Amino acid sequence: MPTFLSRIRVKQGCPFSLLLFGLFIDGLEKRLNALEGDTPPMLGQLVVHLFLYVDNLALMSHTPAGLQKQLDVLQVFCCECQENQGYCV
């Protein structure tokens, strides 16, 4: 994912924060869609492995192992996005 340097932060409630979150989370959704080895929950014909609302995220799986795979993907994704910030463990 391309990165850019910013010396200012987006304040809570700023409309721009929704756009940034959308851009950020799109990459995670693509990775979760490509995740193999677990069958995500279905809502009719719709695959539902995550719920997104404003700046919140909920992962869903039928099994603990499937949820752990999703959490592992989330951790790697977040670390890749913030590797220059020193936030990753």
C-alpha atoms as a PDB file:
ATOM      1  CA  MET A   1       0.000   0.000   0.000  1.00  0.00           C
ATOM      2  CA  PRO A   2       1.431   3.432  -0.882  1.00  0.00           C
ATOM      3  CA  THR A   3       2.247   5.641   2.083  1.00  0.00           C
ATOM      4  CA  PHE A   4       2.645   9.347   2.660  1.00  0.00           C
ATOM      5  CA  LEU A   5       4.086  11.440   5.468  1.00  0.00           C
ATOM      6  CA  SER A   6       1.752  13.609   7.518  1.00  0.00           C
ATOM      7  CA  ARG A   7       2.758  15.790  10.431  1.00  0.00           C
ATOM      8  CA  ILE A   8      -0.823  16.585  11.455  1.00  0.00           C
ATOM      9  CA  ARG A   9      -3.558  14.257  12.653  1.00  0.00           C
ATOM     10  CA  VAL A  10      -7.200  14.119  11.703  1.00  0.00           C
ATOM     11  CA  LYS A  11      -9.397  15.266  14.576  1.00  0.00           C
ATOM     12  CA  GLN A  12     -12.208  13.068  15.836  1.00  0.00           C
ATOM     13  CA  GLY A  13     -15.430  13.849  13.986  1.00  0.00           C
ATOM     14  CA  CYS A  14     -13.651  15.308  10.967  1.00  0.00           C
ATOM     15  CA  PRO A  15     -15.373  14.180   7.720  1.00  0.00           C
ATOM     16  CA  PHE A  16     -11.930  13.478   6.260  1.00  0.00           C
ATOM     17  CA  SER A  17     -11.421  10.679   8.808  1.00  0.00           C
ATOM     18  CA  LEU A  18     -14.151   8.612   7.117  1.00  0.00           C
ATOM     19  CA  LEU A  19     -12.362   8.838   3.780  1.00  0.00           C
ATOM     20  CA  LEU A  20      -9.032   7.841   5.301  1.00  0.00           C
ATOM     21  CA  PHE A  21     -10.607   4.915   7.129  1.00  0.00           C
ATOM     22  CA  GLY A  22     -12.317   3.790   3.912  1.00  0.00           C
ATOM     23  CA  LEU A  23      -9.051   3.898   1.980  1.00  0.00           C
ATOM     24  CA  PHE A  24      -7.254   2.034   4.751  1.00  0.00           C
ATOM     25  CA  ILE A  25      -9.863  -0.653   5.323  1.00  0.00           C
ATOM     26  CA  ASP A  26     -10.344  -1.426   1.614  1.00  0.00           C
ATOM     27  CA  GLY A  27      -6.967  -3.179   1.553  1.00  0.00           C
ATOM     28  CA  LEU A  28      -7.864  -5.289   4.585  1.00  0.00           C
ATOM     29  CA  GLU A  29     -11.169  -6.324   3.064  1.00  0.00           C
ATOM     30  CA  LYS A  30      -9.382  -7.487  -0.100  1.00  0.00           C
ATOM     31  CA  ARG A  31      -6.999  -9.608   1.980  1.00  0.00           C
ATOM     32  CA  LEU A  32      -9.821 -11.150   3.986  1.00  0.00           C
ATOM     33  CA  ASN A  33     -11.679 -11.977   0.761  1.00  0.00           C
ATOM     34  CA  ALA A  34      -8.559 -13.795  -0.464  1.00  0.00           C
ATOM     35  CA  LEU A  35      -8.116 -15.745   2.800  1.00  0.00           C
ATOM     36  CA  GLU A  36      -8.262 -19.493   2.235  1.00  0.00           C
ATOM     37  CA  GLY A  37      -9.000 -22.386   4.553  1.00  0.00           C
ATOM     38  CA  ASP A  38     -12.102 -21.064   6.295  1.00  0.00           C
ATOM     39  CA  THR A  39     -15.681 -20.688   5.151  1.00  0.00           C
ATOM     40  CA  PRO A  40     -16.976 -17.293   6.257  1.00  0.00           C
ATOM     41  CA  PRO A  41     -20.557 -16.845   7.478  1.00  0.00           C
ATOM     42  CA  MET A  42     -23.202 -16.210   4.831  1.00  0.00           C
ATOM     43  CA  LEU A  43     -26.216 -13.912   4.892  1.00  0.00           C
ATOM     44  CA  GLY A  44     -28.306 -15.333   2.074  1.00  0.00           C
ATOM     45  CA  GLN A  45     -25.896 -15.339  -0.871  1.00  0.00           C
ATOM     46  CA  LEU A  46     -23.647 -12.662   0.671  1.00  0.00           C
ATOM     47  CA  VAL A  47     -20.324 -13.559   2.317  1.00  0.00           C
ATOM     48  CA  VAL A  48     -20.122 -11.777   5.670  1.00  0.00           C
ATOM     49  CA  HIS A  49     -16.693 -12.032   7.282  1.00  0.00           C
ATOM     50  CA  LEU A  50     -16.579  -8.486   8.567  1.00  0.00           C
ATOM     51  CA  PHE A  51     -18.879  -5.662   9.508  1.00  0.00           C
ATOM     52  CA  LEU A  52     -17.750  -2.074   9.062  1.00  0.00           C
ATOM     53  CA  TYR A  53     -19.488   0.915  10.565  1.00  0.00           C
ATOM     54  CA  VAL A  54     -17.960   4.385  10.570  1.00  0.00           C
ATOM     55  CA  ASP A  55     -14.543   3.613  12.103  1.00  0.00           C
ATOM     56  CA  ASN A  56     -15.370   0.272  13.727  1.00  0.00           C
ATOM     57  CA  LEU A  57     -14.582  -3.245  12.566  1.00  0.00           C
ATOM     58  CA  ALA A  58     -16.035  -6.628  13.602  1.00  0.00           C
ATOM     59  CA  LEU A  59     -14.547  -9.867  12.227  1.00  0.00           C
ATOM     60  CA  MET A  60     -16.704 -13.008  12.020  1.00  0.00           C
ATOM     61  CA  SER A  61     -16.019 -16.692  11.459  1.00  0.00           C
ATOM     62  CA  HIS A  62     -17.642 -20.050  12.133  1.00  0.00           C
ATOM     63  CA  THR A  63     -14.602 -21.330  14.031  1.00  0.00           C
ATOM     64  CA  PRO A  64     -12.017 -20.032  16.491  1.00  0.00           C
ATOM     65  CA  ALA A  65      -9.281 -21.081  14.046  1.00  0.00           C
ATOM     66  CA  GLY A  66     -10.911 -19.080  11.242  1.00  0.00           C
ATOM     67  CA  LEU A  67     -11.188 -16.022  13.459  1.00  0.00           C
ATOM     68  CA  GLN A  68      -7.539 -16.395  14.448  1.00  0.00           C
ATOM     69  CA  LYS A  69      -6.552 -16.438  10.768  1.00  0.00           C
ATOM     70  CA  GLN A  70      -8.470 -13.209  10.260  1.00  0.00           C
ATOM     71  CA  LEU A  71      -6.819 -11.639  13.313  1.00  0.00           C
ATOM     72  CA  ASP A  72      -3.404 -12.668  11.967  1.00  0.00           C
ATOM     73  CA  VAL A  73      -4.213 -11.028   8.625  1.00  0.00           C
ATOM     74  CA  LEU A  74      -5.363  -7.903  10.479  1.00  0.00           C
ATOM     75  CA  GLN A  75      -2.157  -7.727  12.522  1.00  0.00           C
ATOM     76  CA  VAL A  76       0.085  -8.101   9.466  1.00  0.00           C
ATOM     77  CA  PHE A  77      -1.976  -5.557   7.543  1.00  0.00           C
ATOM     78  CA  CYS A  78      -1.818  -2.977  10.332  1.00  0.00           C
ATOM     79  CA  CYS A  79       1.917  -3.495  10.826  1.00  0.00           C
ATOM     80  CA  GLU A  80       2.573  -3.045   7.118  1.00  0.00           C
ATOM     81  CA  CYS A  81       0.604   0.202   7.178  1.00  0.00           C
ATOM     82  CA  GLN A  82       2.386   1.522  10.258  1.00  0.00           C
ATOM     83  CA  GLU A  83       5.821  -0.078  10.004  1.00  0.00           C
ATOM     84  CA  ASN A  84       7.540   3.295   9.993  1.00  0.00           C
ATOM     85  CA  GLN A  85       5.704   4.447  13.103  1.00  0.00           C
ATOM     86  CA  GLY A  86       7.132   1.807  15.472  1.00  0.00           C
ATOM     87  CA  TYR A  87       3.684   0.609  16.599  1.00  0.00           C
ATOM     88  CA  CYS A  88       4.042  -3.048  15.647  1.00  0.00           C
ATOM     89  CA  VAL A  89       5.028  -5.867  17.995  1.00  0.00           C
END
